[in-house]
Amino acid sequence: MVTPRLLEDLPPEFESLRSFLVSHVQPYINLAFNKQGFLAKDLSNDPLKLWETKVGGLPYLPKGMEYPCDRQTGEMMMFLLQINCADVPSIPGFQLPSQGLLQFYSSLDVPMCVLGPEPHRIIYFPEISQDESTLVTDFSFTQDKRYRDEWYHHIYTIDFSVAEDVFGDYCYNSIPDNLIDIADEFDEWLLDYQSENDFGITAKMAGFPECHSYVPEVLDKAKGQLLLEFNHPFDCSDYFYFYIDEQQLIKADFSGVKSYFMRV
């Protein structure tokens, strides 16, 4: 495992904090995106299979299953991404199923900075069919909505990798009394360090979320594990967060996932 960059760059004056920071290193799964195409007026432009891991494009939808709609408005939801769980590396303490397909949808009318179960939708398919005759392949019924409401049109593949980070913003509550004197000074250095360095993390599974605007005040109250933090690669100001109870994750029960959206 690669040493977190923060620990490599730690100034000598904060060396006494090193053992404390190391004790709070957390593994997570980084998601890197690679643009593959553009989908708007022509729905034949998705180069990826219906059952593949992807951001955007056409979703996996078995015949006979209704396309996800907002429970309050009845309008079709925007397909964000889907993850073939077999593509995701395992890390300790994050019991994601080893198979199946996990999908994330969002309404366009999303209240910002509110943690709750709606208006996002998470769907899990334990078994994946690669027989297109059993799947919806004609998504023309979404075309007007997709184009008129400016859904995300770009399509990306996802590369998964295991990484570690200190997640310093979430460990200060447990800082030892003998280190409190330099905690404020370190916090000031950390803010400058983070603003000067672009670490390129736009999405992750597990670990702790990146801090943006009002996120810490709300997500500190979130129960369970970070299932997904998703900073959309096309509209980089849009952040989605999904949290799940650890026992529900073990049971592959995604019905209780709570989500949070913000734009910075």
Protein backbone atom coordinates (compact mmCIF):
# COMPACT_ATOMS: atom_id res chain seq x y z
CA MET A 1 0.00 0.00 0.00
CA VAL A 2 1.29 3.46 -0.95
CA THR A 3 1.94 5.84 1.97
CA PRO A 4 -0.65 8.65 2.00
CA ARG A 5 0.87 11.77 0.49
CA LEU A 6 -0.02 13.82 3.56
CA LEU A 7 2.32 11.70 5.67
CA GLU A 8 5.10 12.00 3.10
CA ASP A 9 4.78 15.81 3.08
CA LEU A 10 4.31 16.28 6.83
CA PRO A 11 6.56 19.18 7.97
CA PRO A 12 9.11 18.49 10.74
CA GLU A 13 7.29 20.77 13.19
CA PHE A 14 4.32 18.36 13.15
CA GLU A 15 6.34 15.18 13.48
CA SER A 16 4.87 14.58 16.94
CA LEU A 17 1.49 14.12 15.24
CA ARG A 18 2.71 11.37 12.91
CA SER A 19 1.86 8.35 15.06
CA PHE A 20 -1.60 9.79 15.76
CA LEU A 21 -2.24 10.40 12.05
CA VAL A 22 -0.95 6.97 11.09
CA SER A 23 -3.39 5.40 13.57
CA HIS A 24 -6.23 7.06 11.68
CA VAL A 25 -5.23 5.98 8.18
CA GLN A 26 -8.25 4.44 6.45
CA PRO A 27 -8.42 2.34 3.27
CA TYR A 28 -10.83 3.30 0.53
CA ILE A 29 -11.53 2.45 -3.11
CA ASN A 30 -10.70 5.18 -5.61
CA LEU A 31 -12.76 5.54 -8.79
CA ALA A 32 -11.06 7.01 -11.87
CA PHE A 33 -13.13 7.91 -14.94
CA ASN A 34 -12.26 7.55 -18.63
CA LYS A 35 -14.48 9.26 -21.20
CA GLN A 36 -15.86 6.92 -23.87
CA GLY A 37 -18.65 8.74 -25.66
CA PHE A 38 -21.53 11.19 -25.65
CA LEU A 39 -25.21 10.36 -25.47
CA ALA A 40 -27.91 12.94 -26.12
CA LYS A 41 -29.95 12.93 -29.34
CA ASP A 42 -28.52 9.65 -30.68
CA LEU A 43 -29.07 6.83 -28.16
CA SER A 44 -27.06 4.38 -30.24
CA ASN A 45 -23.80 6.07 -29.21
CA ASP A 46 -23.25 4.10 -26.00
CA PRO A 47 -20.10 2.02 -26.71
CA LEU A 48 -20.47 0.00 -23.47
CA LYS A 49 -22.58 -3.06 -22.82
CA LEU A 50 -25.77 -2.70 -20.82
CA TRP A 51 -24.31 -4.77 -17.96
CA GLU A 52 -20.91 -3.08 -17.77
CA THR A 53 -19.65 -0.71 -15.12
CA LYS A 54 -20.23 2.82 -16.44
CA VAL A 55 -21.04 6.44 -15.68
CA GLY A 56 -23.89 7.65 -17.88
CA GLY A 57 -25.05 5.96 -21.04
CA LEU A 58 -27.81 3.36 -21.11
CA PRO A 59 -28.60 1.42 -17.94
CA TYR A 60 -29.15 -2.26 -17.30
CA LEU A 61 -32.94 -2.72 -17.26
CA PRO A 62 -34.58 -6.18 -17.47
CA LYS A 63 -37.70 -6.38 -19.63
CA GLY A 64 -40.85 -6.07 -17.56
CA MET A 65 -39.20 -3.76 -15.04
CA GLU A 66 -40.30 -0.14 -14.98
CA TYR A 67 -37.72 2.56 -15.49
CA PRO A 68 -37.05 4.25 -12.10
CA CYS A 69 -39.22 7.31 -11.46
CA ASP A 70 -39.31 9.90 -8.71
CA ARG A 71 -41.87 8.73 -6.15
CA GLN A 72 -43.07 12.28 -5.55
CA THR A 73 -43.20 13.74 -9.06
CA GLY A 74 -43.58 10.56 -11.13
CA GLU A 75 -40.91 11.81 -13.54
CA MET A 76 -38.13 9.60 -14.84
CA MET A 77 -34.91 9.76 -12.86
CA MET A 78 -31.51 10.48 -14.36
CA PHE A 79 -29.21 7.49 -14.59
CA LEU A 80 -25.94 8.40 -12.86
CA LEU A 81 -23.84 5.25 -12.89
CA GLN A 82 -23.79 1.51 -12.38
CA ILE A 83 -21.09 -0.67 -10.84
CA ASN A 84 -20.49 -4.32 -11.57
CA CYS A 85 -19.50 -5.44 -8.08
CA ALA A 86 -17.11 -8.03 -9.49
CA ASP A 87 -14.97 -5.11 -10.76
CA VAL A 88 -14.51 -3.63 -7.29
CA PRO A 89 -11.46 -4.67 -5.22
CA SER A 90 -12.14 -5.74 -1.65
CA ILE A 91 -10.87 -3.87 1.40
CA PRO A 92 -11.22 -4.73 5.10
CA GLY A 93 -14.42 -3.56 6.73
CA PHE A 94 -16.32 -2.82 3.51
CA GLN A 95 -18.58 -5.78 2.74
CA LEU A 96 -19.75 -4.90 -0.76
CA PRO A 97 -21.23 -7.93 -2.56
CA SER A 98 -18.68 -9.67 -4.77
CA GLN A 99 -21.14 -9.99 -7.64
CA GLY A 100 -24.21 -8.28 -9.04
CA LEU A 101 -24.86 -4.81 -10.44
CA LEU A 102 -25.39 -1.71 -8.30
CA GLN A 103 -27.13 1.28 -9.92
CA PHE A 104 -27.50 4.90 -8.83
CA TYR A 105 -30.24 7.23 -10.12
CA SER A 106 -31.09 10.81 -9.24
CA SER A 107 -34.02 13.16 -9.71
CA LEU A 108 -33.31 16.57 -11.15
CA ASP A 109 -35.24 18.28 -8.36
CA VAL A 110 -32.81 17.43 -5.56
CA PRO A 111 -32.78 19.49 -2.35
CA MET A 112 -29.22 20.51 -1.57
CA CYS A 113 -27.48 19.84 1.74
CA VAL A 114 -30.21 17.52 3.05
CA LEU A 115 -29.38 13.97 4.12
CA GLY A 116 -32.23 11.56 3.40
CA PRO A 117 -33.46 8.56 1.39
CA GLU A 118 -34.96 10.54 -1.50
CA PRO A 119 -34.87 11.68 -4.26
CA HIS A 120 -32.06 9.32 -5.23
CA ARG A 121 -32.61 5.66 -6.01
CA ILE A 122 -30.23 2.73 -5.61
CA ILE A 123 -31.05 -0.58 -7.28
CA TYR A 124 -29.14 -3.82 -6.81
CA PHE A 125 -29.36 -6.78 -9.20
CA PRO A 126 -27.87 -9.90 -7.53
CA GLU A 127 -27.71 -11.71 -10.88
CA ILE A 128 -26.71 -10.13 -14.18
CA SER A 129 -28.02 -11.33 -17.54
CA GLN A 130 -25.82 -10.81 -20.59
CA ASP A 131 -28.62 -11.95 -22.91
CA GLU A 132 -29.84 -8.76 -24.58
CA SER A 133 -33.12 -10.44 -25.53
CA THR A 134 -34.03 -10.30 -21.82
CA LEU A 135 -33.07 -6.61 -21.46
CA VAL A 136 -34.54 -3.30 -22.56
CA THR A 137 -32.43 -2.08 -25.48
CA ASP A 138 -34.72 0.65 -26.85
CA PHE A 139 -34.53 3.69 -24.57
CA SER A 140 -36.18 6.10 -27.00
CA PHE A 141 -38.88 6.70 -24.37
CA THR A 142 -36.22 8.61 -22.36
CA GLN A 143 -34.96 10.74 -25.23
CA ASP A 144 -37.15 13.83 -24.83
CA LYS A 145 -36.63 13.90 -21.08
CA ARG A 146 -32.90 13.25 -21.47
CA TYR A 147 -32.39 16.09 -23.94
CA ARG A 148 -34.90 18.65 -22.60
CA ASP A 149 -33.82 18.41 -18.97
CA GLU A 150 -30.11 18.30 -19.73
CA TRP A 151 -29.23 14.97 -18.17
CA TYR A 152 -25.52 14.18 -17.98
CA HIS A 153 -24.72 13.05 -21.51
CA HIS A 154 -21.11 11.87 -21.29
CA ILE A 155 -20.21 8.20 -20.86
CA TYR A 156 -17.24 6.97 -18.84
CA THR A 157 -15.68 3.70 -17.83
CA ILE A 158 -14.44 3.36 -14.25
CA ASP A 159 -11.07 2.10 -13.03
CA PHE A 160 -11.04 0.96 -9.39
CA SER A 161 -7.97 0.97 -7.14
CA VAL A 162 -7.31 0.55 -3.43
CA ALA A 163 -5.77 3.50 -1.61
CA GLU A 164 -5.34 4.89 1.90
CA ASP A 165 -5.74 8.34 3.39
CA VAL A 166 -5.59 10.01 6.78
CA PHE A 167 -8.99 11.75 6.55
CA GLY A 168 -7.73 14.27 9.09
CA ASP A 169 -10.96 16.25 9.24
CA TYR A 170 -12.66 13.27 10.87
CA CYS A 171 -10.07 12.32 13.50
CA TYR A 172 -9.57 15.55 15.45
CA ASN A 173 -12.28 14.73 17.97
CA SER A 174 -10.01 12.01 19.36
CA ILE A 175 -6.75 13.96 19.40
CA PRO A 176 -4.75 13.29 22.61
CA ASP A 177 -4.50 16.05 25.21
CA ASN A 178 -0.73 16.30 24.83
CA LEU A 179 -1.09 17.20 21.14
CA ILE A 180 -3.88 19.75 21.39
CA ASP A 181 -1.41 22.66 21.60
CA ILE A 182 -0.25 22.16 18.00
CA ALA A 183 -3.60 20.98 16.60
CA ASP A 184 -4.77 24.47 15.58
CA GLU A 185 -1.48 25.26 13.88
CA PHE A 186 -1.59 21.93 12.07
CA ASP A 187 -5.19 22.57 11.01
CA GLU A 188 -4.14 25.87 9.40
CA TRP A 189 -1.28 24.15 7.58
CA LEU A 190 -3.62 21.36 6.44
CA LEU A 191 -6.13 23.80 4.94
CA ASP A 192 -3.37 25.50 2.93
CA TYR A 193 -1.89 22.14 1.95
CA GLN A 194 -5.20 20.84 0.66
CA SER A 195 -5.95 24.03 -1.28
CA GLU A 196 -2.51 23.99 -2.93
CA ASN A 197 -2.59 20.35 -3.93
CA ASP A 198 -5.05 18.74 -6.30
CA PHE A 199 -5.16 15.09 -5.35
CA GLY A 200 -7.47 14.16 -8.24
CA ILE A 201 -9.98 12.27 -6.09
CA THR A 202 -13.40 12.73 -7.67
CA ALA A 203 -15.09 9.58 -6.40
CA LYS A 204 -14.55 6.90 -3.79
CA MET A 205 -16.18 4.01 -2.03
CA ALA A 206 -15.67 3.51 1.74
CA GLY A 207 -13.40 5.68 3.87
CA PHE A 208 -14.64 9.20 4.62
CA PRO A 209 -16.01 11.86 2.27
CA GLU A 210 -14.05 14.84 1.03
CA CYS A 211 -15.05 18.06 2.81
CA HIS A 212 -16.81 20.67 0.68
CA SER A 213 -18.84 23.60 1.97
CA TYR A 214 -21.53 22.34 4.38
CA VAL A 215 -20.68 18.64 4.02
CA PRO A 216 -18.98 18.07 7.41
CA GLU A 217 -21.87 19.61 9.38
CA VAL A 218 -24.36 17.23 7.76
CA LEU A 219 -22.37 14.09 7.08
CA ASP A 220 -20.90 13.98 10.59
CA LYS A 221 -24.44 12.94 11.58
CA ALA A 222 -24.66 10.23 8.91
CA LYS A 223 -24.96 6.70 10.23
CA GLY A 224 -23.15 3.73 8.78
CA GLN A 225 -20.55 3.65 6.01
CA LEU A 226 -19.81 5.80 3.02
CA LEU A 227 -21.07 3.66 0.15
CA LEU A 228 -20.16 6.14 -2.59
CA GLU A 229 -18.92 9.68 -2.95
CA PHE A 230 -19.45 10.79 -6.54
CA ASN A 231 -18.18 14.06 -7.96
CA HIS A 232 -19.53 13.99 -11.50
CA PRO A 233 -16.63 14.19 -13.98
CA PHE A 234 -18.54 16.39 -16.43
CA ASP A 235 -20.17 18.81 -13.99
CA CYS A 236 -17.38 18.92 -11.44
CA SER A 237 -19.38 21.13 -9.06
CA ASP A 238 -21.98 18.39 -8.42
CA TYR A 239 -21.30 16.11 -5.45
CA PHE A 240 -23.38 13.07 -4.49
CA TYR A 241 -22.92 11.09 -1.26
CA PHE A 242 -24.52 7.76 -0.38
CA TYR A 243 -24.45 6.19 3.09
CA ILE A 244 -25.49 2.70 4.14
CA ASP A 245 -25.88 0.83 7.42
CA GLU A 246 -23.06 -1.70 7.78
CA GLN A 247 -25.39 -4.61 8.53
CA GLN A 248 -27.58 -3.77 5.55
CA LEU A 249 -24.49 -3.72 3.34
CA ILE A 250 -23.52 -7.20 4.58
CA LYS A 251 -27.02 -8.39 3.63
CA ALA A 252 -26.82 -6.60 0.24
CA ASP A 253 -29.91 -4.61 1.28
CA PHE A 254 -29.71 -1.17 -0.31
CA SER A 255 -33.26 -0.10 0.53
CA GLY A 256 -32.16 2.09 3.44
CA VAL A 257 -29.37 4.03 1.74
CA LYS A 258 -29.40 7.74 2.57
CA SER A 259 -28.07 10.30 0.14
CA TYR A 260 -26.92 13.89 0.05
CA PHE A 261 -26.39 16.28 -2.86
CA MET A 262 -24.61 19.59 -3.07
CA ARG A 263 -23.30 21.96 -5.71
CA VAL A 264 -20.29 24.15 -4.96
